[in-house]
N, C-alpha and C. Protein backbone atom coordinates (compact mmCIF):
# COMPACT_ATOMS: atom_id res chain seq x y z
N MET A 1 56.92 76.78 94.86
CA MET A 1 57.98 75.91 95.29
C MET A 1 59.18 76.13 94.38
N ILE A 2 60.29 76.47 95.01
CA ILE A 2 61.53 76.70 94.28
C ILE A 2 62.35 75.40 94.33
N LEU A 3 62.73 74.93 93.16
CA LEU A 3 63.48 73.67 93.08
C LEU A 3 64.98 73.94 93.10
N ASP A 4 65.65 73.30 94.03
CA ASP A 4 67.10 73.39 94.14
C ASP A 4 67.73 72.35 93.21
N THR A 5 69.01 72.52 92.94
CA THR A 5 69.74 71.63 92.06
C THR A 5 69.66 70.18 92.51
N SER A 6 69.85 69.92 93.80
CA SER A 6 69.85 68.54 94.28
C SER A 6 68.52 67.86 93.97
N ILE A 7 67.43 68.58 94.15
CA ILE A 7 66.09 68.03 93.91
C ILE A 7 65.85 67.84 92.41
N LEU A 8 66.23 68.81 91.60
CA LEU A 8 66.01 68.68 90.16
C LEU A 8 66.84 67.55 89.58
N CYS A 9 68.07 67.37 90.06
CA CYS A 9 68.89 66.25 89.59
C CYS A 9 68.24 64.92 89.93
N ILE A 10 67.69 64.82 91.13
CA ILE A 10 67.00 63.58 91.52
C ILE A 10 65.78 63.36 90.64
N TRP A 11 64.98 64.41 90.44
CA TRP A 11 63.75 64.29 89.67
C TRP A 11 64.02 63.90 88.22
N LEU A 12 65.11 64.44 87.67
CA LEU A 12 65.49 64.10 86.29
C LEU A 12 66.30 62.81 86.21
N GLU A 13 66.59 62.21 87.37
CA GLU A 13 67.36 60.98 87.46
C GLU A 13 68.72 61.08 86.77
N VAL A 14 69.43 62.16 87.11
CA VAL A 14 70.77 62.37 86.58
C VAL A 14 71.69 61.31 87.19
N PRO A 15 72.38 60.52 86.35
CA PRO A 15 73.26 59.48 86.88
C PRO A 15 74.28 60.06 87.86
N GLY A 16 74.39 59.39 89.01
CA GLY A 16 75.31 59.83 90.05
C GLY A 16 74.72 60.85 91.00
N LYS A 17 73.52 61.34 90.69
CA LYS A 17 72.86 62.36 91.52
C LYS A 17 71.44 61.92 91.87
N GLU A 18 71.25 60.61 92.07
CA GLU A 18 69.90 60.06 92.28
C GLU A 18 69.35 60.25 93.68
N THR A 19 70.21 60.60 94.65
CA THR A 19 69.76 60.82 96.02
C THR A 19 70.54 61.98 96.63
N CYS A 20 70.01 62.48 97.74
CA CYS A 20 70.76 63.43 98.56
C CYS A 20 70.36 63.21 100.01
N GLY A 21 71.20 63.64 100.92
CA GLY A 21 70.95 63.39 102.33
C GLY A 21 71.34 61.97 102.68
N SER A 22 71.10 61.62 103.94
CA SER A 22 71.43 60.26 104.38
C SER A 22 70.48 59.82 105.47
N GLY A 23 70.46 58.54 105.70
CA GLY A 23 69.60 57.97 106.74
C GLY A 23 68.14 58.30 106.52
N ALA A 24 67.47 58.68 107.58
CA ALA A 24 66.04 59.00 107.52
C ALA A 24 65.76 60.23 106.67
N SER A 25 66.77 61.09 106.50
CA SER A 25 66.56 62.30 105.70
C SER A 25 67.00 62.13 104.25
N CYS A 26 67.25 60.89 103.83
CA CYS A 26 67.63 60.62 102.45
C CYS A 26 66.45 60.91 101.52
N ILE A 27 66.73 61.64 100.47
CA ILE A 27 65.71 62.00 99.49
C ILE A 27 66.03 61.26 98.20
N ASP A 28 65.03 60.56 97.65
CA ASP A 28 65.20 59.82 96.42
C ASP A 28 64.11 60.21 95.42
N PHE A 29 64.12 59.58 94.25
CA PHE A 29 63.16 59.92 93.20
C PHE A 29 61.72 59.79 93.67
N ALA A 30 61.40 58.72 94.37
CA ALA A 30 60.01 58.50 94.81
C ALA A 30 59.53 59.66 95.69
N LYS A 31 60.38 60.10 96.61
CA LYS A 31 60.01 61.21 97.50
C LYS A 31 59.87 62.51 96.72
N VAL A 32 60.81 62.78 95.83
CA VAL A 32 60.77 64.01 95.05
C VAL A 32 59.55 64.03 94.14
N ASP A 33 59.32 62.94 93.43
CA ASP A 33 58.19 62.88 92.51
C ASP A 33 56.87 63.06 93.27
N LYS A 34 56.74 62.40 94.41
CA LYS A 34 55.52 62.53 95.21
C LYS A 34 55.32 63.98 95.67
N GLU A 35 56.39 64.62 96.13
CA GLU A 35 56.32 66.01 96.61
C GLU A 35 55.94 66.96 95.48
N ILE A 36 56.54 66.78 94.31
CA ILE A 36 56.25 67.66 93.18
C ILE A 36 54.82 67.42 92.68
N GLN A 37 54.41 66.16 92.58
CA GLN A 37 53.04 65.88 92.15
C GLN A 37 52.03 66.47 93.14
N SER A 38 52.33 66.40 94.42
CA SER A 38 51.47 66.98 95.44
C SER A 38 51.40 68.51 95.29
N ALA A 39 52.55 69.12 95.04
CA ALA A 39 52.59 70.57 94.84
C ALA A 39 51.77 70.99 93.63
N VAL A 40 51.88 70.24 92.56
CA VAL A 40 51.10 70.53 91.34
C VAL A 40 49.61 70.38 91.63
N ALA A 41 49.24 69.33 92.37
CA ALA A 41 47.83 69.10 92.70
C ALA A 41 47.28 70.24 93.56
N MET A 42 48.15 70.87 94.36
CA MET A 42 47.71 71.98 95.22
C MET A 42 47.87 73.33 94.52
N ASN A 43 48.10 73.28 93.21
CA ASN A 43 48.23 74.49 92.38
C ASN A 43 49.40 75.39 92.77
N TYR A 44 50.48 74.79 93.26
CA TYR A 44 51.69 75.56 93.52
C TYR A 44 52.29 75.97 92.19
N THR A 45 53.05 77.04 92.22
CA THR A 45 53.86 77.43 91.08
C THR A 45 55.25 76.86 91.32
N LEU A 46 55.82 76.25 90.30
CA LEU A 46 57.17 75.69 90.39
C LEU A 46 58.14 76.67 89.75
N VAL A 47 59.23 76.95 90.46
CA VAL A 47 60.21 77.93 90.02
C VAL A 47 61.56 77.25 89.81
N LEU A 48 62.15 77.50 88.67
CA LEU A 48 63.51 77.03 88.36
C LEU A 48 64.45 78.22 88.36
N PRO A 49 65.19 78.44 89.44
CA PRO A 49 66.16 79.54 89.42
C PRO A 49 67.24 79.27 88.37
N LEU A 50 67.79 80.34 87.83
CA LEU A 50 68.83 80.20 86.82
C LEU A 50 69.99 79.36 87.34
N ALA A 51 70.36 79.54 88.61
CA ALA A 51 71.45 78.74 89.18
C ALA A 51 71.13 77.25 89.16
N THR A 52 69.88 76.90 89.44
CA THR A 52 69.47 75.49 89.40
C THR A 52 69.61 74.93 88.00
N ILE A 53 69.21 75.70 87.02
CA ILE A 53 69.32 75.26 85.62
C ILE A 53 70.78 75.06 85.24
N ILE A 54 71.62 76.03 85.56
CA ILE A 54 73.03 75.95 85.19
C ILE A 54 73.72 74.78 85.91
N GLU A 55 73.50 74.68 87.23
CA GLU A 55 74.16 73.61 87.98
C GLU A 55 73.67 72.23 87.54
N THR A 56 72.36 72.09 87.33
CA THR A 56 71.82 70.81 86.87
C THR A 56 72.37 70.47 85.49
N GLY A 57 72.42 71.47 84.62
CA GLY A 57 73.00 71.26 83.29
C GLY A 57 74.45 70.81 83.36
N ASN A 58 75.20 71.38 84.28
CA ASN A 58 76.60 70.96 84.46
C ASN A 58 76.68 69.50 84.91
N HIS A 59 75.82 69.11 85.86
CA HIS A 59 75.81 67.72 86.32
C HIS A 59 75.43 66.77 85.19
N ILE A 60 74.46 67.18 84.38
CA ILE A 60 74.05 66.34 83.24
C ILE A 60 75.21 66.18 82.26
N ALA A 61 75.88 67.27 81.95
CA ALA A 61 76.98 67.22 80.98
C ALA A 61 78.14 66.36 81.47
N GLN A 62 78.30 66.24 82.78
CA GLN A 62 79.38 65.45 83.36
C GLN A 62 78.96 64.02 83.71
N ALA A 63 77.68 63.71 83.51
CA ALA A 63 77.17 62.38 83.88
C ALA A 63 77.83 61.31 83.00
N PRO A 64 77.99 60.09 83.54
CA PRO A 64 78.63 59.02 82.78
C PRO A 64 77.76 58.47 81.64
N GLU A 65 76.45 58.72 81.71
CA GLU A 65 75.55 58.21 80.67
C GLU A 65 74.26 59.04 80.65
N TRP A 66 73.44 58.79 79.68
CA TRP A 66 72.12 59.40 79.54
C TRP A 66 72.14 60.94 79.41
N ARG A 67 73.26 61.48 78.96
CA ARG A 67 73.39 62.95 78.89
C ARG A 67 72.35 63.56 77.95
N HIS A 68 72.20 63.02 76.76
CA HIS A 68 71.27 63.62 75.80
C HIS A 68 69.83 63.54 76.30
N GLN A 69 69.44 62.40 76.83
CA GLN A 69 68.07 62.22 77.32
C GLN A 69 67.79 63.17 78.49
N ARG A 70 68.70 63.25 79.45
CA ARG A 70 68.48 64.14 80.61
C ARG A 70 68.54 65.60 80.19
N ALA A 71 69.42 65.94 79.26
CA ALA A 71 69.50 67.31 78.76
C ALA A 71 68.20 67.70 78.05
N SER A 72 67.62 66.77 77.31
CA SER A 72 66.34 67.03 76.64
C SER A 72 65.23 67.26 77.66
N GLN A 73 65.24 66.50 78.76
CA GLN A 73 64.23 66.69 79.80
C GLN A 73 64.38 68.07 80.45
N LEU A 74 65.62 68.46 80.74
CA LEU A 74 65.86 69.78 81.32
C LEU A 74 65.45 70.87 80.34
N ALA A 75 65.77 70.68 79.07
CA ALA A 75 65.40 71.67 78.06
C ALA A 75 63.88 71.83 77.99
N ASP A 76 63.15 70.74 78.10
CA ASP A 76 61.68 70.82 78.10
C ASP A 76 61.17 71.64 79.29
N LEU A 77 61.76 71.43 80.47
CA LEU A 77 61.36 72.20 81.65
C LEU A 77 61.66 73.69 81.46
N MET A 78 62.80 73.98 80.85
CA MET A 78 63.17 75.38 80.59
C MET A 78 62.17 76.04 79.65
N VAL A 79 61.77 75.33 78.61
CA VAL A 79 60.79 75.87 77.66
C VAL A 79 59.45 76.08 78.36
N ASN A 80 59.04 75.12 79.18
CA ASN A 80 57.78 75.28 79.93
C ASN A 80 57.82 76.51 80.82
N ALA A 81 58.95 76.73 81.49
CA ALA A 81 59.08 77.91 82.34
C ALA A 81 59.06 79.19 81.50
N ALA A 82 59.79 79.18 80.41
CA ALA A 82 59.83 80.37 79.54
C ALA A 82 58.44 80.69 78.98
N ASN A 83 57.66 79.65 78.70
CA ASN A 83 56.31 79.84 78.17
C ASN A 83 55.25 80.02 79.25
N GLU A 84 55.69 80.00 80.51
CA GLU A 84 54.79 80.12 81.65
C GLU A 84 53.71 79.03 81.63
N SER A 85 54.07 77.85 81.16
CA SER A 85 53.14 76.73 81.14
C SER A 85 52.91 76.26 82.57
N THR A 86 51.66 76.19 82.97
CA THR A 86 51.32 75.77 84.32
C THR A 86 51.93 74.40 84.58
N PRO A 87 52.59 74.22 85.67
CA PRO A 87 52.71 75.01 86.90
C PRO A 87 53.97 75.86 86.97
N TRP A 88 54.68 76.04 85.87
CA TRP A 88 55.98 76.68 85.89
C TRP A 88 55.90 78.20 85.88
N ALA A 89 56.80 78.84 86.62
CA ALA A 89 56.89 80.30 86.66
C ALA A 89 57.74 80.78 85.49
N ALA A 90 57.45 81.98 85.07
CA ALA A 90 58.20 82.58 83.97
C ALA A 90 59.59 83.00 84.45
N PHE A 91 60.58 82.88 83.57
CA PHE A 91 61.92 83.35 83.91
C PHE A 91 61.94 84.86 84.09
N SER A 92 61.06 85.56 83.42
CA SER A 92 61.06 87.03 83.51
C SER A 92 60.83 87.51 84.93
N ASP A 93 60.21 86.68 85.78
CA ASP A 93 60.01 87.06 87.18
C ASP A 93 61.34 87.24 87.90
N GLN A 94 62.37 86.58 87.44
CA GLN A 94 63.68 86.64 88.10
C GLN A 94 64.60 87.69 87.47
N GLN A 95 64.11 88.37 86.48
CA GLN A 95 64.92 89.30 85.70
C GLN A 95 65.61 90.36 86.56
N THR A 96 64.91 90.89 87.55
CA THR A 96 65.49 91.95 88.37
C THR A 96 66.71 91.47 89.15
N LEU A 97 66.76 90.19 89.46
CA LEU A 97 67.90 89.66 90.21
C LEU A 97 69.19 89.71 89.39
N TRP A 98 69.05 89.74 88.08
CA TRP A 98 70.23 89.73 87.21
C TRP A 98 70.50 91.10 86.59
N SER A 99 69.78 92.11 87.07
CA SER A 99 70.02 93.49 86.61
C SER A 99 71.33 93.99 87.23
N ALA A 100 71.78 95.16 86.81
CA ALA A 100 73.01 95.73 87.37
C ALA A 100 72.87 95.91 88.88
N ASP A 101 71.73 96.42 89.33
CA ASP A 101 71.51 96.60 90.77
C ASP A 101 71.48 95.26 91.50
N GLY A 102 70.84 94.27 90.89
CA GLY A 102 70.77 92.94 91.50
C GLY A 102 72.16 92.32 91.65
N LEU A 103 72.99 92.48 90.63
CA LEU A 103 74.35 91.94 90.69
C LEU A 103 75.19 92.69 91.73
N ARG A 104 75.01 94.02 91.82
CA ARG A 104 75.74 94.78 92.84
C ARG A 104 75.32 94.34 94.24
N ASN A 105 74.02 94.09 94.42
CA ASN A 105 73.51 93.62 95.70
C ASN A 105 74.13 92.26 96.06
N LEU A 106 74.15 91.35 95.10
CA LEU A 106 74.75 90.03 95.33
C LEU A 106 76.24 90.17 95.62
N ALA A 107 76.93 91.03 94.88
CA ALA A 107 78.37 91.24 95.09
C ALA A 107 78.65 91.77 96.50
N ALA A 108 77.77 92.62 97.00
CA ALA A 108 77.96 93.17 98.35
C ALA A 108 77.80 92.10 99.42
N LYS A 109 76.91 91.15 99.19
CA LYS A 109 76.64 90.08 100.16
C LYS A 109 77.61 88.90 100.02
N TRP A 110 78.13 88.70 98.84
CA TRP A 110 78.84 87.47 98.51
C TRP A 110 80.01 87.13 99.43
N PRO A 111 80.93 88.06 99.73
CA PRO A 111 82.07 87.67 100.57
C PRO A 111 81.66 87.07 101.92
N ASP A 112 80.66 87.67 102.58
CA ASP A 112 80.20 87.14 103.87
C ASP A 112 79.54 85.78 103.70
N LEU A 113 78.78 85.60 102.63
CA LEU A 113 78.14 84.31 102.38
C LEU A 113 79.17 83.22 102.08
N ALA A 114 80.18 83.58 101.30
CA ALA A 114 81.24 82.62 100.97
C ALA A 114 81.97 82.19 102.24
N ALA A 115 82.15 83.12 103.17
CA ALA A 115 82.82 82.79 104.43
C ALA A 115 82.04 81.75 105.24
N THR A 116 80.71 81.68 105.02
CA THR A 116 79.88 80.68 105.71
C THR A 116 79.73 79.41 104.88
N LYS A 117 80.47 79.33 103.77
CA LYS A 117 80.48 78.18 102.86
C LYS A 117 79.19 78.05 102.04
N LEU A 118 78.43 79.13 101.90
CA LEU A 118 77.26 79.11 101.02
C LEU A 118 77.75 79.41 99.61
N SER A 119 77.46 78.50 98.68
CA SER A 119 77.92 78.68 97.30
C SER A 119 77.21 79.86 96.66
N ILE A 120 77.80 80.39 95.61
CA ILE A 120 77.16 81.52 94.91
C ILE A 120 75.86 81.07 94.25
N GLY A 121 75.81 79.81 93.81
CA GLY A 121 74.56 79.28 93.26
C GLY A 121 73.47 79.27 94.30
N ASP A 122 73.80 78.77 95.50
CA ASP A 122 72.82 78.75 96.59
C ASP A 122 72.44 80.17 97.03
N ALA A 123 73.40 81.08 96.98
CA ALA A 123 73.10 82.48 97.33
C ALA A 123 72.08 83.06 96.36
N THR A 124 72.21 82.73 95.07
CA THR A 124 71.25 83.26 94.11
C THR A 124 69.88 82.59 94.27
N ILE A 125 69.87 81.32 94.65
CA ILE A 125 68.60 80.64 94.91
C ILE A 125 67.92 81.28 96.12
N SER A 126 68.71 81.64 97.14
CA SER A 126 68.17 82.37 98.29
C SER A 126 67.60 83.71 97.87
N GLU A 127 68.26 84.37 96.93
CA GLU A 127 67.76 85.65 96.42
C GLU A 127 66.42 85.47 95.72
N VAL A 128 66.27 84.38 94.98
CA VAL A 128 65.00 84.10 94.31
C VAL A 128 63.92 83.88 95.37
N ALA A 129 64.24 83.13 96.42
CA ALA A 129 63.28 82.89 97.50
C ALA A 129 62.88 84.20 98.16
N ASP A 130 63.86 85.04 98.45
CA ASP A 130 63.57 86.33 99.07
C ASP A 130 62.72 87.21 98.16
N TYR A 131 63.01 87.17 96.87
CA TYR A 131 62.26 87.96 95.89
C TYR A 131 60.77 87.60 95.93
N TYR A 132 60.47 86.31 95.87
CA TYR A 132 59.07 85.88 95.89
C TYR A 132 58.42 86.16 97.25
N ALA A 133 59.17 86.01 98.33
CA ALA A 133 58.63 86.29 99.66
C ALA A 133 58.28 87.78 99.79
N GLN A 134 59.13 88.65 99.27
CA GLN A 134 58.87 90.08 99.32
C GLN A 134 57.64 90.48 98.50
N MET A 135 57.29 89.64 97.54
CA MET A 135 56.09 89.90 96.75
C MET A 135 54.84 89.39 97.46
N GLY A 136 55.02 88.77 98.64
CA GLY A 136 53.89 88.32 99.44
C GLY A 136 53.53 86.86 99.27
N TYR A 137 54.35 86.10 98.55
CA TYR A 137 54.09 84.68 98.35
C TYR A 137 54.61 83.87 99.54
N ILE A 138 53.98 82.74 99.79
CA ILE A 138 54.55 81.75 100.69
C ILE A 138 55.55 80.98 99.85
N VAL A 139 56.78 80.93 100.32
CA VAL A 139 57.87 80.37 99.53
C VAL A 139 58.42 79.12 100.20
N GLU A 140 58.55 78.06 99.43
CA GLU A 140 59.21 76.86 99.90
C GLU A 140 60.35 76.54 98.95
N VAL A 141 61.55 76.42 99.49
CA VAL A 141 62.69 75.97 98.70
C VAL A 141 62.80 74.48 98.95
N TYR A 142 62.57 73.70 97.91
CA TYR A 142 62.66 72.25 98.05
C TYR A 142 64.09 71.87 97.77
N THR A 143 64.79 71.47 98.83
CA THR A 143 66.22 71.23 98.74
C THR A 143 66.65 70.13 99.69
N GLY A 144 67.75 69.52 99.37
CA GLY A 144 68.40 68.59 100.27
C GLY A 144 69.63 69.24 100.89
N ASP A 145 69.84 70.52 100.60
CA ASP A 145 71.02 71.26 101.02
C ASP A 145 70.74 71.99 102.34
N ALA A 146 71.53 71.69 103.36
CA ALA A 146 71.33 72.30 104.68
C ALA A 146 71.47 73.82 104.63
N GLY A 147 72.33 74.33 103.75
CA GLY A 147 72.52 75.78 103.66
C GLY A 147 71.29 76.52 103.18
N LEU A 148 70.44 75.85 102.43
CA LEU A 148 69.22 76.48 101.94
C LEU A 148 68.00 76.14 102.80
N LYS A 149 68.15 75.26 103.76
CA LYS A 149 67.01 74.86 104.59
C LYS A 149 66.38 76.04 105.31
N LYS A 150 67.14 77.09 105.57
CA LYS A 150 66.57 78.25 106.25
C LYS A 150 65.45 78.88 105.44
N HIS A 151 65.44 78.64 104.15
CA HIS A 151 64.37 79.15 103.29
C HIS A 151 63.31 78.10 103.02
N HIS A 152 63.31 77.05 103.83
CA HIS A 152 62.36 75.95 103.59
C HIS A 152 60.93 76.46 103.48
N LEU A 153 60.55 77.36 104.35
CA LEU A 153 59.20 77.92 104.28
C LEU A 153 59.28 79.36 104.76
N ILE A 154 59.03 80.28 103.87
CA ILE A 154 59.10 81.70 104.18
C ILE A 154 57.74 82.32 103.90
N THR A 155 57.26 83.09 104.85
CA THR A 155 56.06 83.86 104.63
C THR A 155 56.41 85.32 104.84
N ALA A 156 56.19 86.11 103.85
CA ALA A 156 56.50 87.53 103.98
C ALA A 156 55.24 88.29 104.32
N THR A 157 55.43 89.36 105.05
CA THR A 157 54.31 90.24 105.34
C THR A 157 54.28 91.29 104.25
N PRO A 158 53.18 91.37 103.50
CA PRO A 158 53.11 92.39 102.45
C PRO A 158 53.22 93.78 103.06
N GLN A 159 53.85 94.67 102.33
CA GLN A 159 54.01 96.04 102.78
C GLN A 159 52.64 96.73 102.85
N PRO A 160 52.36 97.41 103.98
CA PRO A 160 51.08 98.10 104.05
C PRO A 160 51.04 99.28 103.08
N ARG A 161 49.85 99.53 102.58
CA ARG A 161 49.69 100.67 101.67
C ARG A 161 49.46 101.93 102.47
N ARG A 162 49.96 103.01 101.96
CA ARG A 162 49.79 104.29 102.65
C ARG A 162 48.39 104.83 102.37
N ARG A 163 47.85 105.44 103.39
CA ARG A 163 46.55 106.08 103.21
C ARG A 163 46.76 107.41 102.54
N LYS A 164 45.80 107.77 101.71
CA LYS A 164 45.90 109.06 101.00
C LYS A 164 45.28 110.15 101.84
């Protein structure tokens, strides 16, 4: 499960970012916490894309209160991911996305994505989803963002091996 900025802000209870969506599709802390606890119970791996970390950190730094406490919580999650502490995925899994080739690939796609109003942060989160899907994982992007909903559940077909 890949966590989007909107979901991580809700889970960390960042002031001013406690909900996303509206009406019946409104997502709040209770829904996010239940979904994440359920994912952990089902042995899902939780992924924090670099864009999610940066954007959430920016929201925390701009929050009217609780900045140090929320920043400490985010820092703990970052350390857990870096240490590959279950259920968190290692950051090194995303390393290829930030290589020279990965950046050239993103640069080639970016103008068309920007024209559809997809932010560069969301574009990189989509790249993380595609990366894991290409490795054969079932990928869920947990988001309140309509632009990322297309990656809500992705199943990739593993590449067949050639016979010798």
